Amino acid sequence: MRITLSTSDKTVHLATTKGEHVSVRAAEKAALSLFHALPGPAPEPAKPPIGFAVDSDTERADPDLAAADENEE
């Protein structure tokens, strides 16, 4: 006896020989339990987040020093 269960992403083949005395119900139950034990399809890889970075060589002026420079003039 042969039982095959399949979907688009997983398949289970179960075969018995003539000497084995297995009922159809037991074979179906075994095939279903194997089928449900299989892992599902791999998830889609996550897309990298969209982002940006800002880089600047300009330093901010200290407001206290800028005011002191103006007072000296």
PDB file of N, CA and C in Angstrom:
ATOM      1  N   MET A   1       0.862  -1.157   0.000  1.00  0.00           N
ATOM      2  CA  MET A   1       0.000   0.000   0.000  1.00  0.00           C
ATOM      3  C   MET A   1       0.914   1.227   0.000  1.00  0.00           C
ATOM      4  N   ARG A   2       0.523   2.252  -0.725  1.00  0.00           N
ATOM      5  CA  ARG A   2       1.265   3.499  -0.779  1.00  0.00           C
ATOM      6  C   ARG A   2       0.319   4.659  -0.507  1.00  0.00           C
ATOM      7  N   ILE A   3       0.781   5.558   0.320  1.00  0.00           N
ATOM      8  CA  ILE A   3       0.013   6.774   0.618  1.00  0.00           C
ATOM      9  C   ILE A   3       0.951   7.953   0.371  1.00  0.00           C
ATOM     10  N   THR A   4       0.471   8.930  -0.349  1.00  0.00           N
ATOM     11  CA  THR A   4       1.256  10.129  -0.619  1.00  0.00           C
ATOM     12  C   THR A   4       0.407  11.352  -0.282  1.00  0.00           C
ATOM     13  N   LEU A   5       0.955  12.203   0.563  1.00  0.00           N
ATOM     14  CA  LEU A   5       0.328  13.486   0.888  1.00  0.00           C
ATOM     15  C   LEU A   5       1.249  14.580   0.389  1.00  0.00           C
ATOM     16  N   SER A   6       0.705  15.581  -0.269  1.00  0.00           N
ATOM     17  CA  SER A   6       1.582  16.656  -0.741  1.00  0.00           C
ATOM     18  C   SER A   6       0.832  17.968  -0.855  1.00  0.00           C
ATOM     19  N   THR A   7       1.591  19.016  -0.665  1.00  0.00           N
ATOM     20  CA  THR A   7       1.131  20.375  -0.931  1.00  0.00           C
ATOM     21  C   THR A   7       2.193  20.987  -1.830  1.00  0.00           C
ATOM     22  N   SER A   8       2.105  22.261  -2.066  1.00  0.00           N
ATOM     23  CA  SER A   8       3.068  22.895  -2.961  1.00  0.00           C
ATOM     24  C   SER A   8       4.476  22.920  -2.378  1.00  0.00           C
ATOM     25  N   ASP A   9       4.616  22.802  -1.057  1.00  0.00           N
ATOM     26  CA  ASP A   9       5.943  22.928  -0.455  1.00  0.00           C
ATOM     27  C   ASP A   9       6.429  21.693   0.316  1.00  0.00           C
ATOM     28  N   LYS A  10       5.585  20.714   0.581  1.00  0.00           N
ATOM     29  CA  LYS A  10       6.051  19.521   1.292  1.00  0.00           C
ATOM     30  C   LYS A  10       5.280  18.285   0.842  1.00  0.00           C
ATOM     31  N   THR A  11       5.975  17.114   0.931  1.00  0.00           N
ATOM     32  CA  THR A  11       5.399  15.845   0.478  1.00  0.00           C
ATOM     33  C   THR A  11       5.807  14.734   1.438  1.00  0.00           C
ATOM     34  N   VAL A  12       4.865  13.814   1.703  1.00  0.00           N
ATOM     35  CA  VAL A  12       5.135  12.633   2.522  1.00  0.00           C
ATOM     36  C   VAL A  12       4.709  11.415   1.714  1.00  0.00           C
ATOM     37  N   HIS A  13       5.630  10.456   1.567  1.00  0.00           N
ATOM     38  CA  HIS A  13       5.342   9.174   0.918  1.00  0.00           C
ATOM     39  C   HIS A  13       5.412   8.106   2.004  1.00  0.00           C
ATOM     40  N   LEU A  14       4.388   7.286   2.095  1.00  0.00           N
ATOM     41  CA  LEU A  14       4.367   6.186   3.054  1.00  0.00           C
ATOM     42  C   LEU A  14       4.051   4.915   2.277  1.00  0.00           C
ATOM     43  N   ALA A  15       4.885   3.910   2.470  1.00  0.00           N
ATOM     44  CA  ALA A  15       4.679   2.644   1.769  1.00  0.00           C
ATOM     45  C   ALA A  15       4.773   1.490   2.760  1.00  0.00           C
ATOM     46  N   THR A  16       3.935   0.493   2.556  1.00  0.00           N
ATOM     47  CA  THR A  16       3.988  -0.717   3.378  1.00  0.00           C
ATOM     48  C   THR A  16       4.216  -1.912   2.446  1.00  0.00           C
ATOM     49  N   THR A  17       4.751  -2.967   3.002  1.00  0.00           N
ATOM     50  CA  THR A  17       4.962  -4.183   2.206  1.00  0.00           C
ATOM     51  C   THR A  17       3.781  -5.127   2.399  1.00  0.00           C
ATOM     52  N   LYS A  18       3.737  -6.158   1.577  1.00  0.00           N
ATOM     53  CA  LYS A  18       2.620  -7.111   1.656  1.00  0.00           C
ATOM     54  C   LYS A  18       2.599  -7.864   2.978  1.00  0.00           C
ATOM     55  N   GLY A  19       3.773  -8.066   3.583  1.00  0.00           N
ATOM     56  CA  GLY A  19       3.847  -8.821   4.832  1.00  0.00           C
ATOM     57  C   GLY A  19       3.370  -8.027   6.044  1.00  0.00           C
ATOM     58  N   GLU A  20       3.326  -6.729   5.924  1.00  0.00           N
ATOM     59  CA  GLU A  20       2.898  -5.904   7.067  1.00  0.00           C
ATOM     60  C   GLU A  20       1.370  -5.874   7.127  1.00  0.00           C
ATOM     61  N   HIS A  21       0.854  -6.067   8.299  1.00  0.00           N
ATOM     62  CA  HIS A  21      -0.596  -6.020   8.472  1.00  0.00           C
ATOM     63  C   HIS A  21      -0.954  -4.679   9.112  1.00  0.00           C
ATOM     64  N   VAL A  22      -1.093  -3.691   8.266  1.00  0.00           N
ATOM     65  CA  VAL A  22      -1.398  -2.339   8.720  1.00  0.00           C
ATOM     66  C   VAL A  22      -2.728  -1.928   8.103  1.00  0.00           C
ATOM     67  N   SER A  23      -3.613  -1.421   8.934  1.00  0.00           N
ATOM     68  CA  SER A  23      -4.894  -0.978   8.395  1.00  0.00           C
ATOM     69  C   SER A  23      -4.713   0.348   7.651  1.00  0.00           C
ATOM     70  N   VAL A  24      -5.622   0.606   6.768  1.00  0.00           N
ATOM     71  CA  VAL A  24      -5.570   1.853   6.001  1.00  0.00           C
ATOM     72  C   VAL A  24      -5.683   3.041   6.951  1.00  0.00           C
ATOM     73  N   ARG A  25      -6.529   2.938   7.933  1.00  0.00           N
ATOM     74  CA  ARG A  25      -6.714   4.025   8.903  1.00  0.00           C
ATOM     75  C   ARG A  25      -5.409   4.315   9.649  1.00  0.00           C
ATOM     76  N   ALA A  26      -4.683   3.267  10.081  1.00  0.00           N
ATOM     77  CA  ALA A  26      -3.415   3.455  10.790  1.00  0.00           C
ATOM     78  C   ALA A  26      -2.363   4.070   9.872  1.00  0.00           C
ATOM     79  N   ALA A  27      -2.343   3.634   8.617  1.00  0.00           N
ATOM     80  CA  ALA A  27      -1.381   4.186   7.658  1.00  0.00           C
ATOM     81  C   ALA A  27      -1.684   5.666   7.383  1.00  0.00           C
ATOM     82  N   GLU A  28      -2.963   5.998   7.231  1.00  0.00           N
ATOM     83  CA  GLU A  28      -3.342   7.402   7.016  1.00  0.00           C
ATOM     84  C   GLU A  28      -2.974   8.246   8.227  1.00  0.00           C
ATOM     85  N   LYS A  29      -3.210   7.717   9.411  1.00  0.00           N
ATOM     86  CA  LYS A  29      -2.887   8.455  10.635  1.00  0.00           C
ATOM     87  C   LYS A  29      -1.378   8.703  10.727  1.00  0.00           C
ATOM     88  N   ALA A  30      -0.584   7.681  10.399  1.00  0.00           N
ATOM     89  CA  ALA A  30       0.877   7.836  10.428  1.00  0.00           C
ATOM     90  C   ALA A  30       1.335   8.857   9.392  1.00  0.00           C
ATOM     91  N   ALA A  31       0.774   8.798   8.205  1.00  0.00           N
ATOM     92  CA  ALA A  31       1.155   9.744   7.148  1.00  0.00           C
ATOM     93  C   ALA A  31       0.785  11.169   7.549  1.00  0.00           C
ATOM     94  N   LEU A  32      -0.391  11.358   8.136  1.00  0.00           N
ATOM     95  CA  LEU A  32      -0.809  12.698   8.573  1.00  0.00           C
ATOM     96  C   LEU A  32       0.083  13.236   9.682  1.00  0.00           C
ATOM     97  N   SER A  33       0.452  12.374  10.628  1.00  0.00           N
ATOM     98  CA  SER A  33       1.304  12.854  11.715  1.00  0.00           C
ATOM     99  C   SER A  33       2.688  13.233  11.185  1.00  0.00           C
ATOM    100  N   LEU A  34       3.223  12.463  10.242  1.00  0.00           N
ATOM    101  CA  LEU A  34       4.499  12.826   9.620  1.00  0.00           C
ATOM    102  C   LEU A  34       4.374  14.131   8.839  1.00  0.00           C
ATOM    103  N   PHE A  35       3.274  14.280   8.124  1.00  0.00           N
ATOM    104  CA  PHE A  35       3.044  15.476   7.307  1.00  0.00           C
ATOM    105  C   PHE A  35       2.993  16.726   8.184  1.00  0.00           C
ATOM    106  N   HIS A  36       2.303  16.660   9.311  1.00  0.00           N
ATOM    107  CA  HIS A  36       2.190  17.826  10.199  1.00  0.00           C
ATOM    108  C   HIS A  36       3.478  18.083  10.981  1.00  0.00           C
ATOM    109  N   ALA A  37       4.333  17.069  11.099  1.00  0.00           N
ATOM    110  CA  ALA A  37       5.602  17.256  11.809  1.00  0.00           C
ATOM    111  C   ALA A  37       6.648  17.953  10.945  1.00  0.00           C
ATOM    112  N   LEU A  38       6.455  17.933   9.630  1.00  0.00           N
ATOM    113  CA  LEU A  38       7.419  18.598   8.746  1.00  0.00           C
ATOM    114  C   LEU A  38       7.368  20.102   8.950  1.00  0.00           C
ATOM    115  N   PRO A  39       8.523  20.755   8.886  1.00  0.00           N
ATOM    116  CA  PRO A  39       8.514  22.216   9.002  1.00  0.00           C
ATOM    117  C   PRO A  39       7.903  22.834   7.746  1.00  0.00           C
ATOM    118  N   GLY A  40       7.352  24.006   7.925  1.00  0.00           N
ATOM    119  CA  GLY A  40       6.765  24.726   6.800  1.00  0.00           C
ATOM    120  C   GLY A  40       7.852  25.332   5.933  1.00  0.00           C
ATOM    121  N   PRO A  41       7.448  26.084   4.939  1.00  0.00           N
ATOM    122  CA  PRO A  41       8.437  26.705   4.072  1.00  0.00           C
ATOM    123  C   PRO A  41       9.254  27.738   4.841  1.00  0.00           C
ATOM    124  N   ALA A  42      10.455  27.954   4.391  1.00  0.00           N
ATOM    125  CA  ALA A  42      11.314  28.948   5.033  1.00  0.00           C
ATOM    126  C   ALA A  42      10.710  30.340   4.837  1.00  0.00           C
ATOM    127  N   PRO A  43      10.756  31.155   5.860  1.00  0.00           N
ATOM    128  CA  PRO A  43      10.193  32.496   5.711  1.00  0.00           C
ATOM    129  C   PRO A  43      11.021  33.328   4.741  1.00  0.00           C
ATOM    130  N   GLU A  44      10.376  34.291   4.146  1.00  0.00           N
ATOM    131  CA  GLU A  44      11.066  35.199   3.229  1.00  0.00           C
ATOM    132  C   GLU A  44      12.137  35.945   4.003  1.00  0.00           C
ATOM    133  N   PRO A  45      13.301  36.134   3.409  1.00  0.00           N
ATOM    134  CA  PRO A  45      14.329  36.900   4.124  1.00  0.00           C
ATOM    135  C   PRO A  45      13.860  38.337   4.338  1.00  0.00           C
ATOM    136  N   ALA A  46      14.172  38.844   5.511  1.00  0.00           N
ATOM    137  CA  ALA A  46      13.736  40.205   5.841  1.00  0.00           C
ATOM    138  C   ALA A  46      14.482  41.205   4.972  1.00  0.00           C
ATOM    139  N   LYS A  47      13.749  42.189   4.511  1.00  0.00           N
ATOM    140  CA  LYS A  47      14.369  43.240   3.712  1.00  0.00           C
ATOM    141  C   LYS A  47      15.120  44.180   4.654  1.00  0.00           C
ATOM    142  N   PRO A  48      16.279  44.618   4.229  1.00  0.00           N
ATOM    143  CA  PRO A  48      17.019  45.531   5.106  1.00  0.00           C
ATOM    144  C   PRO A  48      16.261  46.851   5.261  1.00  0.00           C
ATOM    145  N   PRO A  49      16.325  47.434   6.432  1.00  0.00           N
ATOM    146  CA  PRO A  49      15.606  48.691   6.628  1.00  0.00           C
ATOM    147  C   PRO A  49      16.226  49.797   5.782  1.00  0.00           C
ATOM    148  N   ILE A  50      15.383  50.691   5.360  1.00  0.00           N
ATOM    149  CA  ILE A  50      15.852  51.832   4.591  1.00  0.00           C
ATOM    150  C   ILE A  50      16.270  52.905   5.577  1.00  0.00           C
ATOM    151  N   GLY A  51      17.431  53.447   5.396  1.00  0.00           N
ATOM    152  CA  GLY A  51      17.909  54.467   6.318  1.00  0.00           C
ATOM    153  C   GLY A  51      18.946  55.333   5.656  1.00  0.00           C
ATOM    154  N   PHE A  52      19.430  56.270   6.395  1.00  0.00           N
ATOM    155  CA  PHE A  52      20.464  57.146   5.883  1.00  0.00           C
ATOM    156  C   PHE A  52      21.337  57.569   7.041  1.00  0.00           C
ATOM    157  N   ALA A  53      22.477  58.070   6.721  1.00  0.00           N
ATOM    158  CA  ALA A  53      23.400  58.553   7.740  1.00  0.00           C
ATOM    159  C   ALA A  53      23.919  59.917   7.308  1.00  0.00           C
ATOM    160  N   VAL A  54      24.172  60.756   8.264  1.00  0.00           N
ATOM    161  CA  VAL A  54      24.705  62.086   7.989  1.00  0.00           C
ATOM    162  C   VAL A  54      26.084  62.157   8.625  1.00  0.00           C
ATOM    163  N   ASP A  55      27.022  62.609   7.847  1.00  0.00           N
ATOM    164  CA  ASP A  55      28.376  62.756   8.341  1.00  0.00           C
ATOM    165  C   ASP A  55      28.832  64.170   8.004  1.00  0.00           C
ATOM    166  N   SER A  56      29.382  64.841   8.969  1.00  0.00           N
ATOM    167  CA  SER A  56      29.804  66.215   8.740  1.00  0.00           C
ATOM    168  C   SER A  56      31.105  66.467   9.469  1.00  0.00           C
ATOM    169  N   ASP A  57      31.991  67.175   8.814  1.00  0.00           N
ATOM    170  CA  ASP A  57      33.251  67.562   9.440  1.00  0.00           C
ATOM    171  C   ASP A  57      33.127  68.933  10.098  1.00  0.00           C
ATOM    172  N   THR A  58      32.008  69.574   9.954  1.00  0.00           N
ATOM    173  CA  THR A  58      31.805  70.899  10.522  1.00  0.00           C
ATOM    174  C   THR A  58      31.491  70.777  12.002  1.00  0.00           C
ATOM    175  N   GLU A  59      32.213  71.534  12.815  1.00  0.00           N
ATOM    176  CA  GLU A  59      31.959  71.527  14.241  1.00  0.00           C
ATOM    177  C   GLU A  59      31.068  72.714  14.588  1.00  0.00           C
ATOM    178  N   ARG A  60      30.267  72.524  15.581  1.00  0.00           N
ATOM    179  CA  ARG A  60      29.403  73.617  16.025  1.00  0.00           C
ATOM    180  C   ARG A  60      30.218  74.569  16.874  1.00  0.00           C
ATOM    181  N   ALA A  61      29.952  75.836  16.700  1.00  0.00           N
ATOM    182  CA  ALA A  61      30.651  76.850  17.486  1.00  0.00           C
ATOM    183  C   ALA A  61      30.027  76.944  18.868  1.00  0.00           C
ATOM    184  N   ASP A  62      30.860  77.163  19.859  1.00  0.00           N
ATOM    185  CA  ASP A  62      30.378  77.356  21.216  1.00  0.00           C
ATOM    186  C   ASP A  62      29.782  78.754  21.286  1.00  0.00           C
ATOM    187  N   PRO A  63      28.506  78.922  21.639  1.00  0.00           N
ATOM    188  CA  PRO A  63      27.878  80.251  21.642  1.00  0.00           C
ATOM    189  C   PRO A  63      28.556  81.225  22.619  1.00  0.00           C
ATOM    190  N   ASP A  64      29.081  80.721  23.712  1.00  0.00           N
ATOM    191  CA  ASP A  64      29.752  81.609  24.671  1.00  0.00           C
ATOM    192  C   ASP A  64      31.040  82.176  24.079  1.00  0.00           C
ATOM    193  N   LEU A  65      31.789  81.357  23.355  1.00  0.00           N
ATOM    194  CA  LEU A  65      33.023  81.836  22.734  1.00  0.00           C
ATOM    195  C   LEU A  65      32.719  82.813  21.598  1.00  0.00           C
ATOM    196  N   ALA A  66      31.677  82.555  20.848  1.00  0.00           N
ATOM    197  CA  ALA A  66      31.302  83.460  19.753  1.00  0.00           C
ATOM    198  C   ALA A  66      30.900  84.815  20.311  1.00  0.00           C
ATOM    199  N   ALA A  67      30.193  84.867  21.423  1.00  0.00           N
ATOM    200  CA  ALA A  67      29.784  86.127  22.040  1.00  0.00           C
ATOM    201  C   ALA A  67      31.021  86.854  22.589  1.00  0.00           C
ATOM    202  N   ALA A  68      31.979  86.116  23.149  1.00  0.00           N
ATOM    203  CA  ALA A  68      33.179  86.731  23.677  1.00  0.00           C
ATOM    204  C   ALA A  68      34.007  87.345  22.566  1.00  0.00           C
ATOM    205  N   ASP A  69      34.081  86.657  21.401  1.00  0.00           N
ATOM    206  CA  ASP A  69      34.817  87.209  20.270  1.00  0.00           C
ATOM    207  C   ASP A  69      34.188  88.497  19.769  1.00  0.00           C
ATOM    208  N   GLU A  70      32.855  88.586  19.765  1.00  0.00           N
ATOM    209  CA  GLU A  70      32.167  89.799  19.313  1.00  0.00           C
ATOM    210  C   GLU A  70      32.411  90.964  20.290  1.00  0.00           C
ATOM    211  N   ASN A  71      32.484  90.673  21.591  1.00  0.00           N
ATOM    212  CA  ASN A  71      32.710  91.718  22.586  1.00  0.00           C
ATOM    213  C   ASN A  71      34.116  92.281  22.514  1.00  0.00           C
ATOM    214  N   GLU A  72      35.079  91.473  22.079  1.00  0.00           N
ATOM    215  CA  GLU A  72      36.451  91.935  21.985  1.00  0.00           C
ATOM    216  C   GLU A  72      36.650  92.903  20.841  1.00  0.00           C
ATOM    217  N   GLU A  73      35.831  92.850  19.842  1.00  0.00           N
ATOM    218  CA  GLU A  73      36.016  93.720  18.672  1.00  0.00           C
ATOM    219  C   GLU A  73      35.542  95.062  18.950  1.00  0.00           C
TER     220      GLU A  73
END
